[in-house]
Amino acid sequence: MTLTLVMFAALLLLTGVERLIELVISRRNAAWAFARGGIESGKRHFPAMVALHTGLLVAAFLEAWLGERPFIPELGWPMLVIALLCQAGRYWVIASLGFQWNTRVIVVPGLALSRRGPYRWSWVRHPNYVIVALEGIALPLVHTSWITAIVFTVLNAILLLGFRIPTENRALAAARPTR
């Protein structure tokens, strides 16, 4: 195993640890929301999202290792920068939404939507999903796992556009504060 592959494995492992930290934050925020009458939607598609995101990390490594993908500096370094910027973006989203952020679709009826951080721009309705899409391309390409990048992007688009975003939009519309 090459040094770059070991470093790529470490990056993916750290990304996995970061996702576990997100789940801890999400559970805390879910408890906060449920204590205030929060309603969860989209439970059925959530396991598919977890599997897809876990699969991204595993597949990116397996493709790089078993496919003997090289580290190409002209591709790998810019993709690493993008992947790291995506991590910063994730925490910008989490900080902007505060207790309203969650990996699940949980809304508190009557609670105003956040207009902080990336949510202050009306032309980016779901900034977190833009970040996820970019990361799903960049992270595997750090070590030339291009098949993983393509498959994740297609499956992520199907999941987001077909299930998650419509579910989230309906939940948010139903929970809007009354005027």
C-alpha atoms as a PDB file:
ATOM      1  CA  MET A   1       0.000   0.000   0.000  1.00  0.00           C
ATOM      2  CA  THR A   2       1.415   3.382  -1.004  1.00  0.00           C
ATOM      3  CA  LEU A   3       1.880   6.303   1.342  1.00  0.00           C
ATOM      4  CA  THR A   4      -0.726   8.326  -0.553  1.00  0.00           C
ATOM      5  CA  LEU A   5      -3.257   5.508  -0.195  1.00  0.00           C
ATOM      6  CA  VAL A   6      -2.588   5.301   3.540  1.00  0.00           C
ATOM      7  CA  MET A   7      -3.076   9.075   3.772  1.00  0.00           C
ATOM      8  CA  PHE A   8      -6.280   8.791   1.730  1.00  0.00           C
ATOM      9  CA  ALA A   9      -7.514   6.074   4.097  1.00  0.00           C
ATOM     10  CA  ALA A  10      -6.756   8.396   7.028  1.00  0.00           C
ATOM     11  CA  LEU A  11      -8.702  11.208   5.346  1.00  0.00           C
ATOM     12  CA  LEU A  12     -11.684   8.923   4.809  1.00  0.00           C
ATOM     13  CA  LEU A  13     -11.461   7.627   8.375  1.00  0.00           C
ATOM     14  CA  LEU A  14     -11.376  11.184   9.731  1.00  0.00           C
ATOM     15  CA  THR A  15     -14.357  12.020   7.535  1.00  0.00           C
ATOM     16  CA  GLY A  16     -16.169   9.034   9.038  1.00  0.00           C
ATOM     17  CA  VAL A  17     -15.358  10.260  12.548  1.00  0.00           C
ATOM     18  CA  GLU A  18     -16.669  13.685  11.561  1.00  0.00           C
ATOM     19  CA  ARG A  19     -19.938  12.059  10.425  1.00  0.00           C
ATOM     20  CA  LEU A  20     -20.246  10.341  13.811  1.00  0.00           C
ATOM     21  CA  ILE A  21     -19.809  13.738  15.487  1.00  0.00           C
ATOM     22  CA  GLU A  22     -22.597  15.047  13.251  1.00  0.00           C
ATOM     23  CA  LEU A  23     -24.841  12.215  14.442  1.00  0.00           C
ATOM     24  CA  VAL A  24     -24.178  13.201  18.069  1.00  0.00           C
ATOM     25  CA  ILE A  25     -25.078  16.818  17.270  1.00  0.00           C
ATOM     26  CA  SER A  26     -28.124  15.610  15.350  1.00  0.00           C
ATOM     27  CA  ARG A  27     -29.376  13.502  18.278  1.00  0.00           C
ATOM     28  CA  ARG A  28     -28.989  16.444  20.647  1.00  0.00           C
ATOM     29  CA  ASN A  29     -30.866  18.702  18.244  1.00  0.00           C
ATOM     30  CA  ALA A  30     -33.580  16.071  17.685  1.00  0.00           C
ATOM     31  CA  ALA A  31     -34.172  15.885  21.442  1.00  0.00           C
ATOM     32  CA  TRP A  32     -34.411  19.692  21.521  1.00  0.00           C
ATOM     33  CA  ALA A  33     -36.919  19.703  18.639  1.00  0.00           C
ATOM     34  CA  PHE A  34     -39.059  16.864  19.998  1.00  0.00           C
ATOM     35  CA  ALA A  35     -39.216  18.608  23.399  1.00  0.00           C
ATOM     36  CA  ARG A  36     -40.776  21.572  21.561  1.00  0.00           C
ATOM     37  CA  GLY A  37     -43.296  19.535  19.571  1.00  0.00           C
ATOM     38  CA  GLY A  38     -41.048  18.704  16.625  1.00  0.00           C
ATOM     39  CA  ILE A  39     -42.478  16.489  13.910  1.00  0.00           C
ATOM     40  CA  GLU A  40     -40.320  14.067  11.925  1.00  0.00           C
ATOM     41  CA  SER A  41     -40.897  13.353   8.243  1.00  0.00           C
ATOM     42  CA  GLY A  42     -39.110  11.091   5.776  1.00  0.00           C
ATOM     43  CA  LYS A  43     -38.146   8.291   8.138  1.00  0.00           C
ATOM     44  CA  ARG A  44     -38.263   5.730   5.328  1.00  0.00           C
ATOM     45  CA  HIS A  45     -35.560   7.327   3.170  1.00  0.00           C
ATOM     46  CA  PHE A  46     -33.161   8.061   6.056  1.00  0.00           C
ATOM     47  CA  PRO A  47     -31.554   4.561   6.142  1.00  0.00           C
ATOM     48  CA  ALA A  48     -30.819   4.885   2.407  1.00  0.00           C
ATOM     49  CA  MET A  49     -29.057   8.193   3.072  1.00  0.00           C
ATOM     50  CA  VAL A  50     -26.950   6.661   5.829  1.00  0.00           C
ATOM     51  CA  ALA A  51     -26.042   3.720   3.583  1.00  0.00           C
ATOM     52  CA  LEU A  52     -25.165   6.024   0.688  1.00  0.00           C
ATOM     53  CA  HIS A  53     -22.899   8.245   2.768  1.00  0.00           C
ATOM     54  CA  THR A  54     -21.223   5.285   4.457  1.00  0.00           C
ATOM     55  CA  GLY A  55     -20.852   3.627   1.063  1.00  0.00           C
ATOM     56  CA  LEU A  56     -19.141   6.726  -0.311  1.00  0.00           C
ATOM     57  CA  LEU A  57     -16.312   6.430   2.204  1.00  0.00           C
ATOM     58  CA  VAL A  58     -15.908   2.661   1.855  1.00  0.00           C
ATOM     59  CA  ALA A  59     -16.208   2.630  -1.940  1.00  0.00           C
ATOM     60  CA  ALA A  60     -13.766   5.512  -2.406  1.00  0.00           C
ATOM     61  CA  PHE A  61     -11.113   3.597  -0.487  1.00  0.00           C
ATOM     62  CA  LEU A  62     -11.836   0.221  -2.085  1.00  0.00           C
ATOM     63  CA  GLU A  63     -11.764   1.694  -5.573  1.00  0.00           C
ATOM     64  CA  ALA A  64      -8.459   3.466  -4.914  1.00  0.00           C
ATOM     65  CA  TRP A  65      -6.923   0.354  -3.359  1.00  0.00           C
ATOM     66  CA  LEU A  66      -8.331  -2.511  -5.434  1.00  0.00           C
ATOM     67  CA  GLY A  67      -8.400  -0.485  -8.637  1.00  0.00           C
ATOM     68  CA  GLU A  68      -4.834   0.651  -7.966  1.00  0.00           C
ATOM     69  CA  ARG A  69      -5.846   4.234  -8.627  1.00  0.00           C
ATOM     70  CA  PRO A  70      -2.911   6.602  -8.580  1.00  0.00           C
ATOM     71  CA  PHE A  71      -2.683   9.817  -6.664  1.00  0.00           C
ATOM     72  CA  ILE A  72      -2.474  12.462  -9.374  1.00  0.00           C
ATOM     73  CA  PRO A  73      -1.258  15.680  -7.712  1.00  0.00           C
ATOM     74  CA  GLU A  74      -2.866  17.958 -10.322  1.00  0.00           C
ATOM     75  CA  LEU A  75      -6.253  16.395  -9.463  1.00  0.00           C
ATOM     76  CA  GLY A  76      -5.771  15.230  -5.901  1.00  0.00           C
ATOM     77  CA  TRP A  77      -4.609  18.445  -4.270  1.00  0.00           C
ATOM     78  CA  PRO A  78      -7.389  20.661  -5.665  1.00  0.00           C
ATOM     79  CA  MET A  79      -9.960  17.981  -4.749  1.00  0.00           C
ATOM     80  CA  LEU A  80      -8.558  17.827  -1.226  1.00  0.00           C
ATOM     81  CA  VAL A  81      -8.919  21.597  -0.909  1.00  0.00           C
ATOM     82  CA  ILE A  82     -12.518  21.385  -2.146  1.00  0.00           C
ATOM     83  CA  ALA A  83     -13.279  18.487   0.230  1.00  0.00           C
ATOM     84  CA  LEU A  84     -11.855  20.454   3.169  1.00  0.00           C
ATOM     85  CA  LEU A  85     -13.817  23.553   2.156  1.00  0.00           C
ATOM     86  CA  CYS A  86     -16.911  21.369   2.091  1.00  0.00           C
ATOM     87  CA  GLN A  87     -16.215  20.375   5.702  1.00  0.00           C
ATOM     88  CA  ALA A  88     -16.000  24.043   6.639  1.00  0.00           C
ATOM     89  CA  GLY A  89     -19.246  24.606   4.739  1.00  0.00           C
ATOM     90  CA  ARG A  90     -20.963  21.792   6.642  1.00  0.00           C
ATOM     91  CA  TYR A  91     -20.130  23.418   9.953  1.00  0.00           C
ATOM     92  CA  TRP A  92     -21.192  26.827   8.645  1.00  0.00           C
ATOM     93  CA  VAL A  93     -24.583  25.257   7.911  1.00  0.00           C
ATOM     94  CA  ILE A  94     -24.704  23.528  11.309  1.00  0.00           C
ATOM     95  CA  ALA A  95     -23.775  26.750  13.130  1.00  0.00           C
ATOM     96  CA  SER A  96     -26.243  28.802  11.076  1.00  0.00           C
ATOM     97  CA  LEU A  97     -29.169  26.499  11.831  1.00  0.00           C
ATOM     98  CA  GLY A  98     -28.220  25.932  15.462  1.00  0.00           C
ATOM     99  CA  PHE A  99     -30.673  23.582  17.179  1.00  0.00           C
ATOM    100  CA  GLN A 100     -32.756  23.435  13.980  1.00  0.00           C
ATOM    101  CA  TRP A 101     -30.010  21.518  12.134  1.00  0.00           C
ATOM    102  CA  ASN A 102     -30.479  17.781  11.911  1.00  0.00           C
ATOM    103  CA  THR A 103     -29.533  14.833   9.735  1.00  0.00           C
ATOM    104  CA  ARG A 104     -33.208  13.885   9.826  1.00  0.00           C
ATOM    105  CA  VAL A 105     -36.184  15.982   8.732  1.00  0.00           C
ATOM    106  CA  ILE A 106     -37.563  17.321  12.006  1.00  0.00           C
ATOM    107  CA  VAL A 107     -39.392  20.625  12.163  1.00  0.00           C
ATOM    108  CA  VAL A 108     -40.952  22.464  15.078  1.00  0.00           C
ATOM    109  CA  PRO A 109     -44.336  23.863  14.018  1.00  0.00           C
ATOM    110  CA  GLY A 110     -44.440  27.641  14.162  1.00  0.00           C
ATOM    111  CA  LEU A 111     -40.689  28.071  14.516  1.00  0.00           C
ATOM    112  CA  ALA A 112     -39.322  30.620  12.059  1.00  0.00           C
ATOM    113  CA  LEU A 113     -36.854  29.395   9.463  1.00  0.00           C
ATOM    114  CA  SER A 114     -33.239  30.457   9.847  1.00  0.00           C
ATOM    115  CA  ARG A 115     -32.064  33.366   7.713  1.00  0.00           C
ATOM    116  CA  ARG A 116     -28.470  33.218   8.934  1.00  0.00           C
ATOM    117  CA  GLY A 117     -25.315  32.146   7.150  1.00  0.00           C
ATOM    118  CA  PRO A 118     -25.943  30.564   3.765  1.00  0.00           C
ATOM    119  CA  TYR A 119     -29.705  30.610   4.449  1.00  0.00           C
ATOM    120  CA  ARG A 120     -29.873  34.382   4.048  1.00  0.00           C
ATOM    121  CA  TRP A 121     -29.735  33.976   0.263  1.00  0.00           C
ATOM    122  CA  SER A 122     -33.066  32.963  -1.212  1.00  0.00           C
ATOM    123  CA  TRP A 123     -31.457  31.602  -4.389  1.00  0.00           C
ATOM    124  CA  VAL A 124     -29.773  28.796  -2.417  1.00  0.00           C
ATOM    125  CA  ARG A 125     -32.677  27.002  -0.792  1.00  0.00           C
ATOM    126  CA  HIS A 126     -30.718  23.945   0.387  1.00  0.00           C
ATOM    127  CA  PRO A 127     -27.045  24.959   0.750  1.00  0.00           C
ATOM    128  CA  ASN A 128     -26.203  21.825   2.736  1.00  0.00           C
ATOM    129  CA  TYR A 129     -27.119  19.630  -0.233  1.00  0.00           C
ATOM    130  CA  VAL A 130     -24.949  21.694  -2.578  1.00  0.00           C
ATOM    131  CA  ILE A 131     -22.071  21.074  -0.169  1.00  0.00           C
ATOM    132  CA  VAL A 132     -22.866  17.343   0.017  1.00  0.00           C
ATOM    133  CA  ALA A 133     -22.949  17.092  -3.787  1.00  0.00           C
ATOM    134  CA  LEU A 134     -19.594  18.854  -4.160  1.00  0.00           C
ATOM    135  CA  GLU A 135     -18.018  16.752  -1.446  1.00  0.00           C
ATOM    136  CA  GLY A 136     -19.342  13.556  -3.033  1.00  0.00           C
ATOM    137  CA  ILE A 137     -17.397  14.412  -6.156  1.00  0.00           C
ATOM    138  CA  ALA A 138     -14.268  15.899  -4.572  1.00  0.00           C
ATOM    139  CA  LEU A 139     -13.583  13.398  -1.788  1.00  0.00           C
ATOM    140  CA  PRO A 140     -13.263  10.285  -4.002  1.00  0.00           C
ATOM    141  CA  LEU A 141     -11.294  12.212  -6.616  1.00  0.00           C
ATOM    142  CA  VAL A 142      -8.590  13.017  -4.057  1.00  0.00           C
ATOM    143  CA  HIS A 143      -7.237   9.572  -4.962  1.00  0.00           C
ATOM    144  CA  THR A 144      -8.799   9.210  -8.438  1.00  0.00           C
ATOM    145  CA  SER A 145     -11.804   7.114  -7.364  1.00  0.00           C
ATOM    146  CA  TRP A 146     -13.817   8.417 -10.300  1.00  0.00           C
ATOM    147  CA  ILE A 147     -16.331   5.550 -10.448  1.00  0.00           C
ATOM    148  CA  THR A 148     -17.277   6.203  -6.818  1.00  0.00           C
ATOM    149  CA  ALA A 149     -17.642   9.918  -7.548  1.00  0.00           C
ATOM    150  CA  ILE A 150     -19.990   9.225 -10.472  1.00  0.00           C
ATOM    151  CA  VAL A 151     -22.067   6.537  -8.741  1.00  0.00           C
ATOM    152  CA  PHE A 152     -22.424   8.597  -5.555  1.00  0.00           C
ATOM    153  CA  THR A 153     -23.406  11.683  -7.540  1.00  0.00           C
ATOM    154  CA  VAL A 154     -26.122   9.827  -9.461  1.00  0.00           C
ATOM    155  CA  LEU A 155     -27.517   8.013  -6.407  1.00  0.00           C
ATOM    156  CA  ASN A 156     -27.313  11.163  -4.285  1.00  0.00           C
ATOM    157  CA  ALA A 157     -29.221  13.141  -6.945  1.00  0.00           C
ATOM    158  CA  ILE A 158     -31.934  10.471  -7.054  1.00  0.00           C
ATOM    159  CA  LEU A 159     -32.218  10.426  -3.269  1.00  0.00           C
ATOM    160  CA  LEU A 160     -32.134  14.195  -2.839  1.00  0.00           C
ATOM    161  CA  LEU A 161     -34.328  15.216  -5.762  1.00  0.00           C
ATOM    162  CA  GLY A 162     -36.723  12.279  -5.561  1.00  0.00           C
ATOM    163  CA  PHE A 163     -37.169  11.984  -1.812  1.00  0.00           C
ATOM    164  CA  ARG A 164     -35.259  14.192   0.610  1.00  0.00           C
ATOM    165  CA  ILE A 165     -35.774  17.695  -0.783  1.00  0.00           C
ATOM    166  CA  PRO A 166     -39.501  17.212  -1.553  1.00  0.00           C
ATOM    167  CA  THR A 167     -40.006  15.752   1.950  1.00  0.00           C
ATOM    168  CA  GLU A 168     -38.120  18.628   3.530  1.00  0.00           C
ATOM    169  CA  ASN A 169     -39.984  21.252   1.489  1.00  0.00           C
ATOM    170  CA  ARG A 170     -43.370  19.776   2.469  1.00  0.00           C
ATOM    171  CA  ALA A 171     -42.388  19.583   6.139  1.00  0.00           C
ATOM    172  CA  LEU A 172     -41.089  23.143   6.195  1.00  0.00           C
ATOM    173  CA  ALA A 173     -44.162  24.486   4.377  1.00  0.00           C
ATOM    174  CA  ALA A 174     -46.520  22.727   6.802  1.00  0.00           C
ATOM    175  CA  ALA A 175     -44.657  24.024   9.851  1.00  0.00           C
ATOM    176  CA  ARG A 176     -44.336  27.686   8.806  1.00  0.00           C
ATOM    177  CA  PRO A 177     -45.297  30.147  11.499  1.00  0.00           C
ATOM    178  CA  THR A 178     -48.757  31.608  11.073  1.00  0.00           C
ATOM    179  CA  ARG A 179     -49.009  35.327  10.539  1.00  0.00           C
END
